[in-house]
Each structure stands twice: as C-alpha cells, then as structure tokens.
Amino acid sequence: MLLQANVAPSVISDLFARMVDDHGGTAGLASHFLSRLQMSDRISAARDATSATFVGEPILNETEWQALRAVCD
C-alpha cells in the first residue's frame, strides 16, 4: 500500500525502531505489534521492501507537516 502511494516502505522501520527504543521489546504499545512478527523482523521487512532506486514523494507538504506537528506538541 505504501508503494502504491509512492511512499517508501522503509519509513515505517523508523517508527518500529522508535517503538522498541521507547517501549522495549514486549511492553507498552510495542506489545501490540509483537503479536505476529518480532519487531526486528518488521523493521527488516520494511527496509527490504524499498529498493535502493525508489524515489518517493512527501505525504504532507510543509504547511501540512507543521500543522500536524503543532497538533502533536
């Protein structure tokens, strides 16, 4: 789905890695994602799904990104 949206699947590996850093391997929010695949497997799969030549497009423009950041602060 990410490739169809012209977004590199590898970007989700950053999310998964942050979850492990913030919540550990099995506790908190990360435990939800551990129900099927180990987090390290998810990170690897997301990175492997993006070819080295993939050129994606931003999901949000700068204005949209700043608006999202403002909501999250």
N, C-alpha and C. Protein backbone atom coordinates (compact mmCIF):
# COMPACT_ATOMS: atom_id res chain seq x y z
N MET A 1 0.82 -1.19 0.00
CA MET A 1 0.00 0.00 0.00
C MET A 1 0.87 1.26 0.00
N LEU A 2 1.96 1.20 0.75
CA LEU A 2 2.85 2.37 0.76
C LEU A 2 3.46 2.60 -0.61
N LEU A 3 3.90 1.54 -1.27
CA LEU A 3 4.47 1.70 -2.60
C LEU A 3 3.44 2.28 -3.57
N GLN A 4 2.20 1.82 -3.46
CA GLN A 4 1.14 2.35 -4.33
C GLN A 4 0.90 3.83 -4.08
N ALA A 5 1.16 4.28 -2.85
CA ALA A 5 1.01 5.69 -2.50
C ALA A 5 2.29 6.47 -2.78
N ASN A 6 3.28 5.79 -3.36
CA ASN A 6 4.57 6.37 -3.69
C ASN A 6 5.34 6.82 -2.44
N VAL A 7 5.21 5.99 -1.39
CA VAL A 7 5.91 6.21 -0.13
C VAL A 7 6.81 5.01 0.11
N ALA A 8 8.04 5.27 0.50
CA ALA A 8 8.99 4.18 0.74
C ALA A 8 8.57 3.38 1.97
N PRO A 9 8.37 2.06 1.84
CA PRO A 9 8.02 1.25 2.99
C PRO A 9 9.06 1.30 4.11
N SER A 10 10.29 1.63 3.76
CA SER A 10 11.34 1.68 4.78
C SER A 10 11.08 2.74 5.84
N VAL A 11 10.25 3.74 5.55
CA VAL A 11 10.00 4.78 6.55
C VAL A 11 9.31 4.22 7.79
N ILE A 12 8.55 3.15 7.60
CA ILE A 12 7.87 2.57 8.77
C ILE A 12 8.86 1.87 9.70
N SER A 13 10.02 1.49 9.15
CA SER A 13 11.03 0.86 10.01
C SER A 13 11.51 1.84 11.08
N ASP A 14 11.55 3.13 10.75
CA ASP A 14 11.92 4.13 11.75
C ASP A 14 10.89 4.17 12.88
N LEU A 15 9.61 4.08 12.54
CA LEU A 15 8.56 4.05 13.55
C LEU A 15 8.74 2.85 14.46
N PHE A 16 8.93 1.67 13.86
CA PHE A 16 9.09 0.46 14.66
C PHE A 16 10.32 0.55 15.56
N ALA A 17 11.42 1.07 15.03
CA ALA A 17 12.64 1.20 15.82
C ALA A 17 12.42 2.16 17.00
N ARG A 18 11.70 3.25 16.77
CA ARG A 18 11.40 4.18 17.86
C ARG A 18 10.53 3.51 18.92
N MET A 19 9.59 2.69 18.49
CA MET A 19 8.73 1.99 19.45
C MET A 19 9.55 1.08 20.34
N VAL A 20 10.50 0.37 19.75
CA VAL A 20 11.36 -0.50 20.54
C VAL A 20 12.18 0.33 21.51
N ASP A 21 12.73 1.44 21.04
CA ASP A 21 13.52 2.31 21.91
C ASP A 21 12.68 2.87 23.05
N ASP A 22 11.45 3.29 22.75
CA ASP A 22 10.60 3.93 23.75
C ASP A 22 9.90 2.94 24.67
N HIS A 23 9.54 1.77 24.15
CA HIS A 23 8.69 0.85 24.91
C HIS A 23 9.33 -0.51 25.17
N GLY A 24 10.50 -0.74 24.64
CA GLY A 24 11.12 -2.05 24.82
C GLY A 24 10.55 -3.07 23.86
N GLY A 25 11.03 -4.29 23.98
CA GLY A 25 10.64 -5.34 23.04
C GLY A 25 9.25 -5.91 23.26
N THR A 26 8.71 -5.85 24.48
CA THR A 26 7.43 -6.51 24.71
C THR A 26 6.44 -5.68 25.50
N ALA A 27 6.84 -4.56 26.05
CA ALA A 27 5.94 -3.81 26.93
C ALA A 27 5.25 -2.67 26.20
N GLY A 28 4.20 -2.17 26.80
CA GLY A 28 3.52 -1.00 26.29
C GLY A 28 2.96 -1.17 24.90
N LEU A 29 2.97 -0.08 24.17
CA LEU A 29 2.41 -0.05 22.82
C LEU A 29 3.08 -1.05 21.90
N ALA A 30 4.35 -1.28 22.08
CA ALA A 30 5.08 -2.20 21.21
C ALA A 30 4.51 -3.61 21.28
N SER A 31 3.92 -4.00 22.41
CA SER A 31 3.40 -5.37 22.55
C SER A 31 2.32 -5.67 21.52
N HIS A 32 1.56 -4.66 21.13
CA HIS A 32 0.53 -4.86 20.10
C HIS A 32 1.13 -5.35 18.80
N PHE A 33 2.25 -4.77 18.41
CA PHE A 33 2.88 -5.11 17.14
C PHE A 33 3.66 -6.41 17.21
N LEU A 34 3.91 -6.90 18.40
CA LEU A 34 4.68 -8.12 18.54
C LEU A 34 3.81 -9.37 18.44
N SER A 35 2.52 -9.21 18.26
CA SER A 35 1.62 -10.35 18.27
C SER A 35 1.83 -11.30 17.10
N ARG A 36 2.37 -10.83 16.00
CA ARG A 36 2.56 -11.70 14.84
C ARG A 36 4.03 -11.84 14.46
N LEU A 37 4.72 -10.76 14.31
CA LEU A 37 6.13 -10.80 13.92
C LEU A 37 6.97 -10.14 15.00
N GLN A 38 8.17 -10.61 15.17
CA GLN A 38 9.09 -9.91 16.05
C GLN A 38 9.35 -8.53 15.47
N MET A 39 9.53 -7.55 16.34
CA MET A 39 9.73 -6.18 15.87
C MET A 39 10.94 -6.10 14.94
N SER A 40 12.01 -6.82 15.25
CA SER A 40 13.19 -6.78 14.38
C SER A 40 12.85 -7.30 12.99
N ASP A 41 11.96 -8.30 12.90
CA ASP A 41 11.54 -8.81 11.60
C ASP A 41 10.72 -7.77 10.84
N ARG A 42 9.89 -7.03 11.56
CA ARG A 42 9.09 -5.98 10.92
C ARG A 42 9.99 -4.87 10.37
N ILE A 43 10.99 -4.50 11.17
CA ILE A 43 11.93 -3.46 10.74
C ILE A 43 12.66 -3.90 9.49
N SER A 44 13.16 -5.14 9.49
CA SER A 44 13.89 -5.66 8.32
C SER A 44 12.99 -5.75 7.11
N ALA A 45 11.77 -6.24 7.29
CA ALA A 45 10.84 -6.38 6.16
C ALA A 45 10.51 -5.03 5.54
N ALA A 46 10.32 -4.02 6.39
CA ALA A 46 10.01 -2.68 5.86
C ALA A 46 11.18 -2.12 5.09
N ARG A 47 12.38 -2.31 5.61
CA ARG A 47 13.56 -1.81 4.90
C ARG A 47 13.78 -2.57 3.60
N ASP A 48 13.59 -3.88 3.63
CA ASP A 48 13.81 -4.71 2.44
C ASP A 48 12.78 -4.45 1.35
N ALA A 49 11.61 -3.93 1.72
CA ALA A 49 10.55 -3.69 0.74
C ALA A 49 10.80 -2.46 -0.11
N THR A 50 11.83 -1.71 0.21
CA THR A 50 12.13 -0.48 -0.53
C THR A 50 13.41 -0.67 -1.32
N SER A 51 13.32 -0.58 -2.64
CA SER A 51 14.50 -0.73 -3.47
C SER A 51 15.41 0.49 -3.31
N ALA A 52 16.68 0.29 -3.58
CA ALA A 52 17.66 1.37 -3.45
C ALA A 52 17.39 2.51 -4.43
N THR A 53 16.68 2.24 -5.49
CA THR A 53 16.40 3.26 -6.51
C THR A 53 15.03 3.92 -6.34
N PHE A 54 14.30 3.53 -5.29
CA PHE A 54 12.96 4.08 -5.08
C PHE A 54 13.02 5.58 -4.83
N VAL A 55 12.16 6.32 -5.53
CA VAL A 55 12.04 7.76 -5.32
C VAL A 55 10.59 8.03 -4.94
N GLY A 56 10.38 8.42 -3.71
CA GLY A 56 9.02 8.67 -3.23
C GLY A 56 8.68 10.14 -3.23
N GLU A 57 7.48 10.41 -2.79
CA GLU A 57 7.00 11.78 -2.67
C GLU A 57 6.58 12.01 -1.23
N PRO A 58 6.75 13.22 -0.73
CA PRO A 58 6.30 13.51 0.63
C PRO A 58 4.80 13.28 0.77
N ILE A 59 4.40 12.75 1.90
CA ILE A 59 2.97 12.54 2.16
C ILE A 59 2.29 13.87 2.45
N LEU A 60 3.01 14.73 3.17
CA LEU A 60 2.48 16.04 3.53
C LEU A 60 3.37 17.13 2.96
N ASN A 61 2.77 18.25 2.60
CA ASN A 61 3.60 19.39 2.21
C ASN A 61 4.07 20.07 3.49
N GLU A 62 4.90 21.10 3.39
CA GLU A 62 5.48 21.73 4.57
C GLU A 62 4.42 22.32 5.50
N THR A 63 3.41 22.94 4.93
CA THR A 63 2.33 23.53 5.73
C THR A 63 1.57 22.45 6.49
N GLU A 64 1.25 21.35 5.81
CA GLU A 64 0.53 20.25 6.45
C GLU A 64 1.39 19.61 7.55
N TRP A 65 2.69 19.47 7.29
CA TRP A 65 3.59 18.88 8.28
C TRP A 65 3.66 19.75 9.53
N GLN A 66 3.77 21.06 9.36
CA GLN A 66 3.83 21.96 10.51
C GLN A 66 2.51 21.94 11.29
N ALA A 67 1.40 21.84 10.59
CA ALA A 67 0.10 21.76 11.26
C ALA A 67 0.00 20.48 12.09
N LEU A 68 0.46 19.36 11.53
CA LEU A 68 0.45 18.10 12.26
C LEU A 68 1.35 18.17 13.48
N ARG A 69 2.53 18.73 13.31
CA ARG A 69 3.45 18.87 14.44
C ARG A 69 2.85 19.73 15.54
N ALA A 70 2.13 20.77 15.16
CA ALA A 70 1.50 21.66 16.14
C ALA A 70 0.44 20.90 16.96
N VAL A 71 -0.30 20.02 16.30
CA VAL A 71 -1.31 19.23 17.00
C VAL A 71 -0.64 18.27 17.98
N CYS A 72 0.50 17.76 17.63
CA CYS A 72 1.18 16.76 18.45
C CYS A 72 1.99 17.35 19.59
N ASP A 73 2.27 18.63 19.54
CA ASP A 73 3.07 19.26 20.61
C ASP A 73 2.29 19.49 21.87
